[in-house]
């Protein structure tokens, strides 16, 4: 008999009352997700993470009273290093996209996304993926096409370059290892080496740097 997958714990940091409550209800109707907490400010989420176990995924708005969502990412990552942070916002301008991803966000979605798309992104982020709204992905590609600076040489080996490319495409470590025909821990060692050479600390930062500097 197959084991039932664990229910993913989700917290929402969203100050729009109607949207936040509607999204919580929609997510809680799904069998594999449980959105038990909604905060209207980053500071409230900080306090809760000191007292309670961190969720699997944090859905984070950008425009919040006090500390903004993007400013709050670094502190959230300190308090909940294993939680995936997914930006959920109405903004799709270049600066906010890159600031969020460079700060360590695992994904970037628009609030116009449907519930199932958001749920799929939550599952992907929890599994180590990097969900990005298709419109945002197109914006990233547009930014990439406008970049004229030659790519910097970070001394990546061919295998490290392959790993980085798979991360940019949204694959998890397990999926990247399978595609390259190597073990999970070997793939993880390559990724750690990529982080060191790029001088970044997270998957999101590595992806942002790879896209911004045209490394893949």
N, C-alpha and C. Protein backbone atom coordinates (compact mmCIF):
# COMPACT_ATOMS: atom_id res chain seq x y z
N UNK A 1 0.85 -1.20 0.00
CA UNK A 1 0.00 0.00 0.00
C UNK A 1 0.89 1.25 0.00
N UNK A 2 0.65 2.16 -0.92
CA UNK A 2 1.48 3.35 -1.05
C UNK A 2 1.26 4.29 0.13
N UNK A 3 2.36 4.91 0.57
CA UNK A 3 2.26 5.85 1.68
C UNK A 3 1.62 7.16 1.22
N UNK A 4 0.80 7.73 2.11
CA UNK A 4 0.20 9.02 1.81
C UNK A 4 1.25 10.12 2.00
N UNK A 5 1.47 10.94 0.99
CA UNK A 5 2.48 12.00 1.13
C UNK A 5 2.11 12.95 2.26
N UNK A 6 3.10 13.51 2.97
CA UNK A 6 2.79 14.42 4.08
C UNK A 6 2.11 15.69 3.58
N UNK A 7 1.28 16.24 4.44
CA UNK A 7 0.60 17.50 4.10
C UNK A 7 1.60 18.65 4.23
N UNK A 8 1.70 19.45 3.20
CA UNK A 8 2.63 20.58 3.20
C UNK A 8 2.05 21.74 4.02
N UNK A 9 2.86 22.25 4.93
CA UNK A 9 2.44 23.37 5.77
C UNK A 9 2.81 24.69 5.09
N UNK A 10 1.83 25.57 4.97
CA UNK A 10 2.01 26.84 4.27
C UNK A 10 1.62 28.00 5.17
N UNK A 11 2.45 29.04 5.19
CA UNK A 11 2.09 30.30 5.85
C UNK A 11 1.97 31.38 4.79
N UNK A 12 1.06 32.30 5.01
CA UNK A 12 0.81 33.39 4.06
C UNK A 12 1.07 34.73 4.75
N UNK A 13 1.92 35.55 4.12
CA UNK A 13 2.17 36.91 4.62
C UNK A 13 1.55 37.86 3.60
N UNK A 14 0.37 38.36 3.92
CA UNK A 14 -0.45 39.11 2.96
C UNK A 14 -1.36 40.06 3.73
N UNK A 15 -1.26 41.37 3.44
CA UNK A 15 -2.04 42.33 4.21
C UNK A 15 -3.40 42.65 3.60
N UNK A 16 -3.68 42.14 2.40
CA UNK A 16 -5.00 42.37 1.81
C UNK A 16 -5.98 41.34 2.38
N UNK A 17 -6.89 41.80 3.23
CA UNK A 17 -7.75 40.91 4.00
C UNK A 17 -8.57 39.97 3.12
N UNK A 18 -9.26 40.52 2.14
CA UNK A 18 -10.16 39.70 1.32
C UNK A 18 -9.37 38.67 0.51
N UNK A 19 -8.32 39.13 -0.17
CA UNK A 19 -7.51 38.21 -0.98
C UNK A 19 -6.87 37.14 -0.10
N UNK A 20 -6.30 37.56 1.04
CA UNK A 20 -5.63 36.61 1.92
C UNK A 20 -6.57 35.54 2.43
N UNK A 21 -7.75 35.94 2.89
CA UNK A 21 -8.70 34.97 3.43
C UNK A 21 -9.22 34.04 2.34
N UNK A 22 -9.46 34.59 1.16
CA UNK A 22 -9.94 33.77 0.05
C UNK A 22 -8.90 32.73 -0.36
N UNK A 23 -7.65 33.15 -0.43
CA UNK A 23 -6.59 32.22 -0.81
C UNK A 23 -6.40 31.14 0.24
N UNK A 24 -6.45 31.51 1.52
CA UNK A 24 -6.33 30.50 2.58
C UNK A 24 -7.42 29.44 2.47
N UNK A 25 -8.65 29.88 2.27
CA UNK A 25 -9.76 28.92 2.15
C UNK A 25 -9.54 27.99 0.95
N UNK A 26 -9.11 28.57 -0.18
CA UNK A 26 -8.91 27.78 -1.39
C UNK A 26 -7.81 26.73 -1.19
N UNK A 27 -6.72 27.13 -0.57
CA UNK A 27 -5.61 26.19 -0.36
C UNK A 27 -6.00 25.10 0.63
N UNK A 28 -6.78 25.45 1.63
CA UNK A 28 -7.16 24.47 2.65
C UNK A 28 -8.19 23.47 2.14
N UNK A 29 -8.77 23.73 0.98
CA UNK A 29 -9.68 22.74 0.39
C UNK A 29 -8.91 21.60 -0.28
N UNK A 30 -7.60 21.80 -0.51
CA UNK A 30 -6.78 20.79 -1.17
C UNK A 30 -6.26 19.79 -0.14
N UNK A 31 -6.24 18.52 -0.51
CA UNK A 31 -5.91 17.45 0.44
C UNK A 31 -4.47 17.50 0.94
N UNK A 32 -3.54 18.00 0.11
CA UNK A 32 -2.13 17.90 0.47
C UNK A 32 -1.53 19.21 0.98
N UNK A 33 -2.37 20.25 1.17
CA UNK A 33 -1.88 21.54 1.64
C UNK A 33 -2.64 21.99 2.88
N UNK A 34 -1.94 22.67 3.78
CA UNK A 34 -2.59 23.22 4.97
C UNK A 34 -2.03 24.60 5.23
N UNK A 35 -2.85 25.62 4.99
CA UNK A 35 -2.44 27.00 5.22
C UNK A 35 -3.05 27.44 6.55
N UNK A 36 -2.26 27.36 7.61
CA UNK A 36 -2.77 27.56 8.97
C UNK A 36 -2.53 28.96 9.52
N UNK A 37 -1.64 29.70 8.88
CA UNK A 37 -1.29 31.01 9.42
C UNK A 37 -1.31 32.06 8.33
N UNK A 38 -1.89 33.23 8.65
CA UNK A 38 -1.79 34.39 7.75
C UNK A 38 -1.38 35.59 8.59
N UNK A 39 -0.37 36.28 8.11
CA UNK A 39 0.14 37.47 8.80
C UNK A 39 -0.01 38.67 7.87
N UNK A 40 -0.19 39.84 8.46
CA UNK A 40 -0.34 41.05 7.65
C UNK A 40 0.95 41.86 7.60
N UNK A 41 2.00 41.37 8.26
CA UNK A 41 3.29 42.06 8.25
C UNK A 41 4.41 41.06 8.45
N UNK A 42 5.58 41.36 7.88
CA UNK A 42 6.74 40.48 8.05
C UNK A 42 7.11 40.34 9.52
N UNK A 43 6.99 41.44 10.27
CA UNK A 43 7.38 41.40 11.68
C UNK A 43 6.59 40.36 12.46
N UNK A 44 5.30 40.18 12.10
CA UNK A 44 4.47 39.17 12.78
C UNK A 44 4.95 37.76 12.43
N UNK A 45 5.37 37.58 11.18
CA UNK A 45 5.90 36.28 10.77
C UNK A 45 7.22 35.99 11.48
N UNK A 46 8.07 37.01 11.63
CA UNK A 46 9.33 36.84 12.36
C UNK A 46 9.05 36.32 13.77
N UNK A 47 8.11 36.97 14.45
CA UNK A 47 7.80 36.60 15.83
C UNK A 47 7.26 35.17 15.92
N UNK A 48 6.41 34.82 14.97
CA UNK A 48 5.82 33.47 14.98
C UNK A 48 6.88 32.40 14.75
N UNK A 49 7.87 32.69 13.90
CA UNK A 49 8.91 31.71 13.60
C UNK A 49 9.83 31.49 14.79
N UNK A 50 9.90 32.45 15.70
CA UNK A 50 10.70 32.27 16.92
C UNK A 50 10.01 31.28 17.86
N UNK A 51 8.68 31.26 17.82
CA UNK A 51 7.91 30.46 18.79
C UNK A 51 7.38 29.15 18.22
N UNK A 52 7.26 29.05 16.89
CA UNK A 52 6.61 27.88 16.30
C UNK A 52 7.50 27.25 15.22
N UNK A 53 7.29 25.95 14.95
CA UNK A 53 8.04 25.30 13.85
C UNK A 53 7.74 26.00 12.53
N UNK A 54 8.75 26.10 11.69
CA UNK A 54 8.59 26.78 10.40
C UNK A 54 7.75 25.94 9.46
N UNK A 55 7.03 26.58 8.54
CA UNK A 55 6.27 25.83 7.53
C UNK A 55 7.20 25.33 6.44
N UNK A 56 6.64 24.55 5.53
CA UNK A 56 7.41 24.10 4.37
C UNK A 56 7.59 25.22 3.36
N UNK A 57 6.54 26.05 3.23
CA UNK A 57 6.56 27.13 2.23
C UNK A 57 5.95 28.39 2.84
N UNK A 58 6.59 29.52 2.54
CA UNK A 58 6.07 30.83 2.92
C UNK A 58 5.66 31.57 1.65
N UNK A 59 4.39 31.95 1.56
CA UNK A 59 3.92 32.80 0.46
C UNK A 59 4.02 34.24 0.94
N UNK A 60 4.73 35.07 0.19
CA UNK A 60 5.09 36.40 0.69
C UNK A 60 4.72 37.50 -0.29
N UNK A 61 3.92 38.44 0.18
CA UNK A 61 3.60 39.62 -0.63
C UNK A 61 4.80 40.57 -0.64
N UNK A 62 4.85 41.48 -1.62
CA UNK A 62 5.96 42.43 -1.71
C UNK A 62 5.65 43.70 -0.92
N UNK A 63 4.51 44.33 -1.20
CA UNK A 63 4.15 45.58 -0.55
C UNK A 63 3.44 45.28 0.77
N UNK A 64 4.15 45.45 1.88
CA UNK A 64 3.61 45.19 3.20
C UNK A 64 3.90 46.39 4.10
N UNK A 65 3.09 46.61 5.14
CA UNK A 65 3.40 47.69 6.08
C UNK A 65 4.68 47.35 6.85
N UNK A 66 5.49 48.35 7.15
CA UNK A 66 6.74 48.09 7.86
C UNK A 66 7.77 47.51 6.91
N UNK A 67 8.36 46.39 7.31
CA UNK A 67 9.37 45.73 6.47
C UNK A 67 8.70 45.16 5.23
N UNK A 68 9.20 45.48 4.06
CA UNK A 68 8.61 44.98 2.82
C UNK A 68 8.92 43.49 2.66
N UNK A 69 8.19 42.85 1.76
CA UNK A 69 8.41 41.43 1.53
C UNK A 69 9.83 41.14 1.09
N UNK A 70 10.34 41.91 0.15
CA UNK A 70 11.69 41.67 -0.36
C UNK A 70 12.73 41.92 0.73
N UNK A 71 12.54 42.98 1.53
CA UNK A 71 13.46 43.26 2.63
C UNK A 71 13.41 42.17 3.69
N UNK A 72 12.24 41.55 3.83
CA UNK A 72 12.07 40.54 4.88
C UNK A 72 12.61 39.17 4.53
N UNK A 73 12.95 38.94 3.26
CA UNK A 73 13.39 37.61 2.85
C UNK A 73 14.63 37.15 3.63
N UNK A 74 15.61 38.02 3.78
CA UNK A 74 16.85 37.64 4.46
C UNK A 74 16.58 37.17 5.89
N UNK A 75 15.73 37.92 6.63
CA UNK A 75 15.42 37.53 8.01
C UNK A 75 14.60 36.25 8.05
N UNK A 76 13.68 36.09 7.13
CA UNK A 76 12.88 34.86 7.08
C UNK A 76 13.77 33.65 6.80
N UNK A 77 14.77 33.84 5.95
CA UNK A 77 15.68 32.74 5.65
C UNK A 77 16.55 32.40 6.86
N UNK A 78 16.86 33.39 7.67
CA UNK A 78 17.62 33.12 8.90
C UNK A 78 16.78 32.32 9.89
N UNK A 79 15.53 32.71 10.04
CA UNK A 79 14.65 32.06 11.01
C UNK A 79 14.12 30.71 10.52
N UNK A 80 13.98 30.57 9.21
CA UNK A 80 13.43 29.33 8.63
C UNK A 80 14.25 28.93 7.42
N UNK A 81 15.49 28.47 7.63
CA UNK A 81 16.38 28.19 6.50
C UNK A 81 15.90 27.09 5.56
N UNK A 82 15.05 26.20 6.06
CA UNK A 82 14.57 25.10 5.22
C UNK A 82 13.26 25.41 4.52
N UNK A 83 12.63 26.52 4.88
CA UNK A 83 11.35 26.88 4.25
C UNK A 83 11.61 27.54 2.90
N UNK A 84 10.81 27.17 1.92
CA UNK A 84 10.90 27.81 0.60
C UNK A 84 10.04 29.07 0.61
N UNK A 85 10.59 30.16 0.11
CA UNK A 85 9.87 31.43 0.07
C UNK A 85 9.44 31.71 -1.36
N UNK A 86 8.14 31.88 -1.55
CA UNK A 86 7.59 32.17 -2.88
C UNK A 86 6.92 33.54 -2.84
N UNK A 87 7.39 34.46 -3.66
CA UNK A 87 6.78 35.78 -3.76
C UNK A 87 5.45 35.67 -4.50
N UNK A 88 4.43 36.29 -3.93
CA UNK A 88 3.10 36.31 -4.55
C UNK A 88 2.66 37.77 -4.56
N UNK A 89 2.64 38.39 -5.74
CA UNK A 89 2.48 39.84 -5.81
C UNK A 89 1.78 40.29 -7.09
N UNK A 90 1.45 41.56 -7.15
CA UNK A 90 0.89 42.15 -8.37
C UNK A 90 2.00 42.78 -9.20
N UNK A 91 3.20 42.88 -8.65
CA UNK A 91 4.30 43.58 -9.33
C UNK A 91 5.10 42.63 -10.21
N UNK A 92 5.45 43.09 -11.40
CA UNK A 92 6.27 42.28 -12.30
C UNK A 92 7.37 43.11 -12.95
N UNK A 93 7.82 44.16 -12.23
CA UNK A 93 8.91 44.98 -12.79
C UNK A 93 10.25 44.31 -12.54
N UNK A 94 11.21 44.64 -13.41
CA UNK A 94 12.50 43.97 -13.41
C UNK A 94 13.22 44.05 -12.07
N UNK A 95 13.23 45.23 -11.47
CA UNK A 95 13.99 45.42 -10.24
C UNK A 95 13.49 44.52 -9.12
N UNK A 96 12.17 44.47 -8.94
CA UNK A 96 11.62 43.66 -7.86
C UNK A 96 11.86 42.17 -8.10
N UNK A 97 11.76 41.74 -9.36
CA UNK A 97 12.00 40.33 -9.68
C UNK A 97 13.42 39.95 -9.27
N UNK A 98 14.40 40.73 -9.71
CA UNK A 98 15.79 40.37 -9.43
C UNK A 98 16.13 40.54 -7.96
N UNK A 99 15.59 41.58 -7.32
CA UNK A 99 15.86 41.75 -5.89
C UNK A 99 15.32 40.58 -5.09
N UNK A 100 14.13 40.12 -5.44
CA UNK A 100 13.52 39.00 -4.71
C UNK A 100 14.31 37.72 -4.90
N UNK A 101 14.66 37.42 -6.14
CA UNK A 101 15.37 36.18 -6.43
C UNK A 101 16.77 36.21 -5.83
N UNK A 102 17.44 37.36 -5.95
CA UNK A 102 18.80 37.49 -5.39
C UNK A 102 18.77 37.39 -3.87
N UNK A 103 17.67 37.83 -3.25
CA UNK A 103 17.57 37.77 -1.79
C UNK A 103 17.34 36.34 -1.30
N UNK A 104 16.93 35.45 -2.22
CA UNK A 104 16.75 34.06 -1.82
C UNK A 104 15.37 33.50 -2.02
N UNK A 105 14.48 34.22 -2.72
CA UNK A 105 13.15 33.68 -3.00
C UNK A 105 13.27 32.48 -3.94
N UNK A 106 12.50 31.44 -3.66
CA UNK A 106 12.53 30.24 -4.51
C UNK A 106 11.68 30.42 -5.76
N UNK A 107 10.70 31.31 -5.70
CA UNK A 107 9.82 31.50 -6.85
C UNK A 107 9.18 32.87 -6.84
N UNK A 108 8.53 33.23 -7.96
CA UNK A 108 7.94 34.55 -8.11
C UNK A 108 6.65 34.39 -8.92
N UNK A 109 5.51 34.61 -8.27
CA UNK A 109 4.21 34.43 -8.92
C UNK A 109 3.40 35.71 -8.85
N UNK A 110 2.47 35.85 -9.78
CA UNK A 110 1.56 36.98 -9.77
C UNK A 110 0.25 36.57 -9.10
N UNK A 111 -0.40 37.54 -8.46
CA UNK A 111 -1.66 37.25 -7.78
C UNK A 111 -2.79 36.92 -8.74
N UNK A 112 -2.58 37.18 -10.00
CA UNK A 112 -3.57 36.81 -11.00
C UNK A 112 -3.54 35.30 -11.26
N UNK A 113 -2.56 34.59 -10.72
CA UNK A 113 -2.47 33.14 -10.90
C UNK A 113 -3.66 32.46 -10.23
N UNK A 114 -4.15 31.40 -10.83
CA UNK A 114 -5.24 30.63 -10.26
C UNK A 114 -4.78 29.83 -9.06
N UNK A 115 -5.74 29.36 -8.27
CA UNK A 115 -5.42 28.58 -7.07
C UNK A 115 -4.59 27.36 -7.39
N UNK A 116 -4.94 26.65 -8.46
CA UNK A 116 -4.21 25.42 -8.79
C UNK A 116 -2.78 25.74 -9.21
N UNK A 117 -2.59 26.86 -9.91
CA UNK A 117 -1.24 27.26 -10.28
C UNK A 117 -0.41 27.60 -9.04
N UNK A 118 -1.03 28.28 -8.08
CA UNK A 118 -0.34 28.61 -6.84
C UNK A 118 -0.03 27.33 -6.06
N UNK A 119 -0.99 26.42 -6.02
CA UNK A 119 -0.78 25.15 -5.32
C UNK A 119 0.35 24.35 -5.97
N UNK A 120 0.37 24.33 -7.29
CA UNK A 120 1.44 23.63 -8.01
C UNK A 120 2.79 24.26 -7.69
N UNK A 121 2.84 25.59 -7.61
CA UNK A 121 4.08 26.29 -7.28
C UNK A 121 4.52 25.96 -5.86
N UNK A 122 3.58 25.86 -4.94
CA UNK A 122 3.91 25.49 -3.55
C UNK A 122 4.55 24.12 -3.51
N UNK A 123 3.95 23.17 -4.21
CA UNK A 123 4.49 21.80 -4.23
C UNK A 123 5.88 21.79 -4.85
N UNK A 124 6.05 22.54 -5.93
CA UNK A 124 7.34 22.58 -6.61
C UNK A 124 8.41 23.19 -5.71
N UNK A 125 8.07 24.30 -5.06
CA UNK A 125 9.04 24.97 -4.18
C UNK A 125 9.41 24.07 -3.01
N UNK A 126 8.43 23.37 -2.44
CA UNK A 126 8.71 22.48 -1.32
C UNK A 126 9.63 21.34 -1.73
N UNK A 127 9.55 20.95 -3.00
CA UNK A 127 10.39 19.86 -3.51
C UNK A 127 11.76 20.35 -3.97
N UNK A 128 12.00 21.65 -3.84
CA UNK A 128 13.30 22.20 -4.23
C UNK A 128 13.32 22.88 -5.58
N UNK A 129 12.14 23.03 -6.22
CA UNK A 129 12.07 23.68 -7.52
C UNK A 129 12.03 25.20 -7.39
N UNK A 130 11.98 25.86 -8.53
CA UNK A 130 11.94 27.33 -8.57
C UNK A 130 10.78 27.78 -9.46
N UNK A 131 9.56 27.75 -8.93
CA UNK A 131 8.40 28.12 -9.76
C UNK A 131 8.37 29.60 -10.09
N UNK A 132 8.19 29.90 -11.35
CA UNK A 132 8.09 31.28 -11.80
C UNK A 132 6.90 31.40 -12.75
N UNK A 133 6.07 32.40 -12.52
CA UNK A 133 4.94 32.65 -13.40
C UNK A 133 5.42 32.79 -14.85
N UNK A 134 4.71 32.20 -15.83
CA UNK A 134 5.16 32.29 -17.22
C UNK A 134 5.41 33.71 -17.71
N UNK A 135 4.58 34.65 -17.28
CA UNK A 135 4.80 36.04 -17.69
C UNK A 135 6.11 36.57 -17.12
N UNK A 136 6.41 36.19 -15.87
CA UNK A 136 7.67 36.60 -15.26
C UNK A 136 8.83 35.96 -15.98
N UNK A 137 8.68 34.69 -16.34
CA UNK A 137 9.74 34.00 -17.07
C UNK A 137 10.05 34.72 -18.38
N UNK A 138 9.01 35.19 -19.06
CA UNK A 138 9.22 35.93 -20.30
C UNK A 138 9.97 37.24 -20.03
N UNK A 139 9.63 37.89 -18.92
CA UNK A 139 10.33 39.13 -18.57
C UNK A 139 11.82 38.85 -18.32
N UNK A 140 12.09 37.73 -17.64
CA UNK A 140 13.48 37.36 -17.39
C UNK A 140 14.21 37.14 -18.70
N UNK A 141 13.55 36.47 -19.64
CA UNK A 141 14.17 36.23 -20.95
C UNK A 141 14.40 37.55 -21.70
N UNK A 142 13.45 38.48 -21.55
CA UNK A 142 13.62 39.79 -22.19
C UNK A 142 14.82 40.52 -21.60
N UNK A 143 14.96 40.44 -20.28
CA UNK A 143 16.10 41.08 -19.63
C UNK A 143 17.40 40.44 -20.10
N UNK A 144 17.34 39.14 -20.26
CA UNK A 144 18.52 38.41 -20.71
C UNK A 144 18.91 38.84 -22.13
N UNK A 145 17.90 39.00 -22.99
CA UNK A 145 18.19 39.36 -24.38
C UNK A 145 18.74 40.77 -24.50
N UNK A 146 18.43 41.63 -23.51
CA UNK A 146 18.89 43.02 -23.55
C UNK A 146 20.29 43.18 -22.96
N UNK A 147 20.75 42.15 -22.27
CA UNK A 147 22.06 42.25 -21.63
C UNK A 147 23.16 42.19 -22.68
N UNK A 148 24.03 43.17 -22.68
CA UNK A 148 25.09 43.24 -23.68
C UNK A 148 26.47 42.89 -23.15
N UNK A 149 26.60 42.82 -21.82
CA UNK A 149 27.91 42.54 -21.24
C UNK A 149 28.28 41.08 -21.48
N UNK A 150 29.55 40.81 -21.83
CA UNK A 150 29.97 39.41 -22.00
C UNK A 150 29.91 38.67 -20.68
N UNK A 151 29.56 37.39 -20.70
CA UNK A 151 29.47 36.63 -19.46
C UNK A 151 30.82 36.53 -18.77
N UNK A 152 30.80 36.62 -17.45
CA UNK A 152 32.03 36.53 -16.66
C UNK A 152 32.42 35.06 -16.49
N UNK A 153 33.71 34.80 -16.47
CA UNK A 153 34.20 33.44 -16.29
C UNK A 153 34.40 33.16 -14.81
N UNK A 154 33.56 32.26 -14.25
CA UNK A 154 33.67 31.89 -12.85
C UNK A 154 34.43 30.57 -12.66
N UNK A 155 34.93 30.03 -13.76
CA UNK A 155 35.69 28.78 -13.65
C UNK A 155 34.84 27.56 -13.43
N UNK A 156 33.58 27.61 -13.89
CA UNK A 156 32.71 26.44 -13.75
C UNK A 156 33.17 25.32 -14.67
N UNK A 157 33.15 24.11 -14.17
CA UNK A 157 33.46 22.95 -15.01
C UNK A 157 32.25 22.65 -15.89
N UNK A 158 32.39 21.86 -16.94
CA UNK A 158 31.24 21.50 -17.78
C UNK A 158 30.09 20.89 -16.97
N UNK A 159 30.42 20.02 -16.01
CA UNK A 159 29.36 19.39 -15.22
C UNK A 159 28.68 20.41 -14.30
N UNK A 160 29.45 21.33 -13.74
CA UNK A 160 28.86 22.37 -12.90
C UNK A 160 27.96 23.28 -13.74
N UNK A 161 28.38 23.56 -14.96
CA UNK A 161 27.56 24.36 -15.87
C UNK A 161 26.25 23.64 -16.17
N UNK A 162 26.32 22.32 -16.38
CA UNK A 162 25.11 21.53 -16.65
C UNK A 162 24.16 21.58 -15.47
N UNK A 163 24.71 21.44 -14.26
CA UNK A 163 23.90 21.48 -13.04
C UNK A 163 23.21 22.84 -12.92
N UNK A 164 23.98 23.91 -13.15
CA UNK A 164 23.42 25.26 -13.04
C UNK A 164 22.30 25.47 -14.05
N UNK A 165 22.49 24.97 -15.27
CA UNK A 165 21.47 25.12 -16.30
C UNK A 165 20.18 24.41 -15.89
N UNK A 166 20.30 23.23 -15.29
CA UNK A 166 19.12 22.49 -14.85
C UNK A 166 18.41 23.21 -13.70
N UNK A 167 19.19 23.85 -12.82
CA UNK A 167 18.58 24.63 -11.74
C UNK A 167 17.78 25.80 -12.31
N UNK A 168 18.36 26.47 -13.30
CA UNK A 168 17.68 27.60 -13.94
C UNK A 168 16.37 27.14 -14.59
N UNK A 169 16.36 25.92 -15.09
CA UNK A 169 15.15 25.37 -15.72
C UNK A 169 14.11 24.93 -14.70
N UNK A 170 14.46 25.00 -13.41
CA UNK A 170 13.50 24.69 -12.36
C UNK A 170 13.55 23.28 -11.81
N UNK A 171 14.57 22.51 -12.17
CA UNK A 171 14.67 21.13 -11.70
C UNK A 171 15.14 21.06 -10.25
N UNK A 172 14.69 20.05 -9.52
CA UNK A 172 15.19 19.80 -8.18
C UNK A 172 16.54 19.10 -8.28
N UNK A 173 17.23 18.98 -7.15
CA UNK A 173 18.52 18.29 -7.14
C UNK A 173 18.34 16.85 -7.61
N UNK A 174 17.28 16.19 -7.14
CA UNK A 174 17.02 14.80 -7.51
C UNK A 174 16.80 14.67 -9.01
N UNK A 175 16.03 15.60 -9.58
CA UNK A 175 15.75 15.56 -11.02
C UNK A 175 17.02 15.84 -11.82
N UNK A 176 17.83 16.80 -11.36
CA UNK A 176 19.08 17.13 -12.05
C UNK A 176 20.02 15.93 -12.03
N UNK A 177 20.10 15.26 -10.89
CA UNK A 177 20.97 14.08 -10.77
C UNK A 177 20.53 13.00 -11.75
N UNK A 178 19.20 12.78 -11.84
CA UNK A 178 18.68 11.75 -12.74
C UNK A 178 18.99 12.09 -14.19
N UNK A 179 18.83 13.35 -14.57
CA UNK A 179 19.10 13.75 -15.96
C UNK A 179 20.57 13.60 -16.33
N UNK A 180 21.45 13.82 -15.35
CA UNK A 180 22.88 13.74 -15.62
C UNK A 180 23.45 12.35 -15.35
N UNK A 181 22.60 11.47 -14.82
CA UNK A 181 23.05 10.10 -14.57
C UNK A 181 24.05 10.00 -13.43
N UNK A 182 23.88 10.84 -12.41
CA UNK A 182 24.77 10.81 -11.25
C UNK A 182 23.93 10.68 -9.99
N UNK A 183 24.60 10.37 -8.87
CA UNK A 183 23.89 10.23 -7.61
C UNK A 183 23.47 11.57 -7.02
N UNK A 184 22.48 11.50 -6.12
CA UNK A 184 21.95 12.71 -5.49
C UNK A 184 23.06 13.48 -4.77
N UNK A 185 23.86 12.78 -3.96
CA UNK A 185 24.89 13.46 -3.18
C UNK A 185 26.00 14.02 -4.05
N UNK A 186 26.27 13.36 -5.16
CA UNK A 186 27.25 13.89 -6.10
C UNK A 186 26.73 15.19 -6.70
N UNK A 187 25.46 15.18 -7.08
CA UNK A 187 24.84 16.40 -7.63
C UNK A 187 24.86 17.52 -6.60
N UNK A 188 24.59 17.17 -5.35
CA UNK A 188 24.59 18.18 -4.29
C UNK A 188 25.98 18.78 -4.11
N UNK A 189 27.03 17.96 -4.24
CA UNK A 189 28.40 18.46 -4.13
C UNK A 189 28.72 19.43 -5.27
N UNK A 190 28.25 19.09 -6.49
CA UNK A 190 28.46 19.99 -7.63
C UNK A 190 27.77 21.32 -7.38
N UNK A 191 26.54 21.27 -6.85
CA UNK A 191 25.78 22.50 -6.62
C UNK A 191 26.48 23.36 -5.57
N UNK A 192 26.99 22.73 -4.52
CA UNK A 192 27.72 23.48 -3.49
C UNK A 192 28.96 24.15 -4.08
N UNK A 193 29.61 23.45 -5.01
CA UNK A 193 30.77 24.03 -5.68
C UNK A 193 30.36 25.22 -6.54
N UNK A 194 29.21 25.11 -7.22
CA UNK A 194 28.69 26.22 -8.03
C UNK A 194 28.43 27.43 -7.13
N UNK A 195 27.78 27.20 -5.98
CA UNK A 195 27.49 28.30 -5.04
C UNK A 195 28.79 28.99 -4.63
N UNK A 196 29.81 28.19 -4.32
CA UNK A 196 31.08 28.76 -3.88
C UNK A 196 31.73 29.60 -4.97
N UNK A 197 31.72 29.08 -6.21
CA UNK A 197 32.37 29.81 -7.29
C UNK A 197 31.60 31.07 -7.67
N UNK A 198 30.27 31.02 -7.58
CA UNK A 198 29.46 32.20 -7.90
C UNK A 198 29.36 33.16 -6.73
N UNK A 199 29.85 32.71 -5.56
CA UNK A 199 29.80 33.52 -4.34
C UNK A 199 28.36 33.86 -3.96
N UNK A 200 27.52 32.81 -3.95
CA UNK A 200 26.13 32.95 -3.53
C UNK A 200 25.86 31.91 -2.44
N UNK A 201 24.70 32.05 -1.79
CA UNK A 201 24.39 31.16 -0.67
C UNK A 201 23.11 30.36 -0.87
N UNK A 202 22.42 30.59 -1.96
CA UNK A 202 21.14 29.90 -2.14
C UNK A 202 20.91 29.58 -3.61
N UNK A 203 19.97 28.67 -3.84
CA UNK A 203 19.58 28.29 -5.20
C UNK A 203 19.02 29.50 -5.95
N UNK A 204 18.15 30.28 -5.27
CA UNK A 204 17.57 31.44 -5.93
C UNK A 204 18.62 32.45 -6.37
N UNK A 205 19.62 32.68 -5.51
CA UNK A 205 20.67 33.63 -5.85
C UNK A 205 21.51 33.12 -7.02
N UNK A 206 21.78 31.81 -7.04
CA UNK A 206 22.55 31.22 -8.14
C UNK A 206 21.80 31.36 -9.45
N UNK A 207 20.49 31.12 -9.41
CA UNK A 207 19.66 31.23 -10.61
C UNK A 207 19.62 32.67 -11.11
N UNK A 208 19.43 33.61 -10.17
CA UNK A 208 19.38 35.03 -10.55
C UNK A 208 20.69 35.47 -11.19
N UNK A 209 21.80 35.05 -10.60
CA UNK A 209 23.10 35.45 -11.12
C UNK A 209 23.34 34.82 -12.49
N UNK A 210 22.94 33.55 -12.63
CA UNK A 210 23.13 32.86 -13.91
C UNK A 210 22.35 33.53 -15.03
N UNK A 211 21.13 33.98 -14.71
CA UNK A 211 20.29 34.63 -15.71
C UNK A 211 20.81 36.04 -16.00
N UNK A 212 21.10 36.77 -14.93
CA UNK A 212 21.50 38.17 -15.08
C UNK A 212 22.84 38.30 -15.82
N UNK A 213 23.75 37.35 -15.57
CA UNK A 213 25.07 37.43 -16.20
C UNK A 213 25.24 36.48 -17.38
N UNK A 214 24.11 35.90 -17.81
CA UNK A 214 24.10 35.03 -18.99
C UNK A 214 25.12 33.89 -18.89
N UNK A 215 25.09 33.21 -17.76
CA UNK A 215 26.03 32.10 -17.55
C UNK A 215 25.54 30.81 -18.17
N UNK A 216 24.26 30.75 -18.50
CA UNK A 216 23.70 29.54 -19.13
C UNK A 216 22.90 29.95 -20.35
